[in-house]
Amino acid sequence: MGIQIDNKRTDSYIGTFDYACADDMLQLEDVRTMVKNMNKSLRLAGMDYQFRVVVRGRGNNRFERAKDYHSKKYGRQFSERYVKARLAQDLTLEFADRVDAYILRRR
């Protein structure tokens, strides 16, 4: 999928990047490099703020994945309601099929 501009999402949304697609991962690295260089320029210009790239794990069957992950991690079962409300909003990156990337302002 790669870089996408979508007016339905927040302004900080960059795109959805699939782990299985090498081109998507290269684009994500390019975004990270761009933000890194922009932060260097902002520091040299004396600005008091920076930006960061934030990735949030996404994937199919995220409720089941989150439930399995947290059950193994904490050694107990969680209810469906708890999983949907708390655990499955963002998958841990090791269980994600793809990630949504955002550029957020720091400070």
Protein backbone atom coordinates (compact mmCIF):
# COMPACT_ATOMS: atom_id res chain seq x y z
CA MET A 1 0.00 0.00 0.00
CA GLY A 2 2.71 2.46 0.97
CA ILE A 3 2.34 6.19 1.31
CA GLN A 4 -1.27 7.38 1.08
CA ILE A 5 -3.00 10.68 1.60
CA ASP A 6 -6.44 10.15 3.09
CA ASN A 7 -8.70 13.01 4.14
CA LYS A 8 -10.84 10.65 6.23
CA ARG A 9 -7.99 10.09 8.68
CA THR A 10 -5.96 12.41 10.84
CA ASP A 11 -3.54 14.87 9.26
CA SER A 12 -0.59 13.02 10.74
CA TYR A 13 -1.41 9.75 8.92
CA ILE A 14 1.19 8.81 6.30
CA GLY A 15 0.08 5.40 5.09
CA THR A 16 -0.21 1.69 5.69
CA PHE A 17 2.92 -0.35 5.13
CA ASP A 18 2.83 -4.14 4.66
CA TYR A 19 5.65 -6.17 6.21
CA ALA A 20 5.52 -8.69 3.34
CA CYS A 21 6.17 -6.03 0.69
CA ALA A 22 9.80 -4.96 0.38
CA ASP A 23 8.81 -1.77 -1.46
CA ASP A 24 6.58 -0.72 1.45
CA MET A 25 9.37 -1.28 3.95
CA LEU A 26 11.76 0.80 1.81
CA GLN A 27 9.18 3.60 1.69
CA LEU A 28 8.82 3.47 5.47
CA GLU A 29 12.60 3.73 5.87
CA ASP A 30 12.57 6.69 3.47
CA VAL A 31 9.93 8.41 5.62
CA ARG A 32 12.03 7.79 8.74
CA THR A 33 15.12 9.18 7.01
CA MET A 34 13.19 12.23 5.81
CA VAL A 35 11.97 12.98 9.34
CA LYS A 36 15.47 12.46 10.73
CA ASN A 37 16.92 14.96 8.24
CA MET A 38 14.10 17.42 8.87
CA ASN A 39 14.81 17.26 12.62
CA LYS A 40 18.49 18.01 11.99
CA SER A 41 17.50 21.05 9.94
CA LEU A 42 15.09 22.22 12.64
CA ARG A 43 17.82 21.94 15.30
CA LEU A 44 20.24 23.93 13.14
CA ALA A 45 17.57 26.59 12.61
CA GLY A 46 17.10 26.89 16.38
CA MET A 47 13.53 25.60 16.47
CA ASP A 48 12.39 24.12 19.76
CA TYR A 49 10.33 21.26 18.35
CA GLN A 50 10.96 17.99 16.53
CA PHE A 51 8.92 15.34 14.77
CA ARG A 52 8.80 11.57 15.14
CA VAL A 53 7.50 8.63 13.13
CA VAL A 54 5.07 6.45 15.08
CA VAL A 55 3.99 3.04 13.77
CA ARG A 56 0.92 1.18 15.04
CA GLY A 57 0.51 -2.54 14.42
CA ARG A 58 -2.46 -3.67 12.34
CA GLY A 59 -3.55 -7.04 11.02
CA ASN A 60 -6.31 -9.50 10.35
CA ASN A 61 -7.87 -11.27 13.34
CA ARG A 62 -6.35 -8.69 15.64
CA PHE A 63 -8.71 -9.55 18.49
CA GLU A 64 -7.66 -13.19 18.47
CA ARG A 65 -3.99 -12.30 18.14
CA ALA A 66 -4.14 -9.83 21.01
CA LYS A 67 -6.05 -12.28 23.17
CA ASP A 68 -3.55 -15.07 22.51
CA TYR A 69 -0.57 -12.80 23.06
CA HIS A 70 -1.79 -11.40 26.38
CA SER A 71 -3.00 -14.80 27.59
CA LYS A 72 0.49 -16.21 27.05
CA LYS A 73 2.20 -13.15 28.51
CA TYR A 74 0.12 -12.94 31.70
CA GLY A 75 -0.90 -16.59 32.05
CA ARG A 76 -4.65 -15.98 32.22
CA GLN A 77 -7.61 -15.59 29.92
CA PHE A 78 -9.17 -12.23 29.10
CA SER A 79 -12.80 -11.62 28.21
CA GLU A 80 -13.78 -10.61 24.67
CA ARG A 81 -15.04 -7.28 25.94
CA TYR A 82 -11.73 -6.48 27.65
CA VAL A 83 -9.73 -7.54 24.62
CA LYS A 84 -11.75 -5.38 22.24
CA ALA A 85 -11.71 -2.39 24.58
CA ARG A 86 -8.10 -2.47 25.73
CA LEU A 87 -5.77 -4.89 24.05
CA ALA A 88 -6.56 -5.02 20.35
CA GLN A 89 -6.49 -1.34 19.49
CA ASP A 90 -2.85 -1.66 18.48
CA LEU A 91 -1.13 -4.97 17.92
CA THR A 92 2.40 -5.43 19.13
CA LEU A 93 4.65 -5.09 16.09
CA GLU A 94 5.84 -8.69 16.24
CA PHE A 95 2.26 -9.92 15.62
CA ALA A 96 1.26 -7.28 13.08
CA ASP A 97 0.86 -7.97 9.35
CA ARG A 98 1.14 -4.31 8.50
CA VAL A 99 1.63 -0.98 10.24
CA ASP A 100 0.00 2.42 10.02
CA ALA A 101 2.59 5.20 10.13
CA TYR A 102 2.04 8.67 11.54
CA ILE A 103 4.29 11.72 11.83
CA LEU A 104 3.70 13.39 15.19
CA ARG A 105 5.15 16.52 16.68
CA ARG A 106 7.41 16.07 19.69
CA ARG A 107 7.61 18.76 22.42
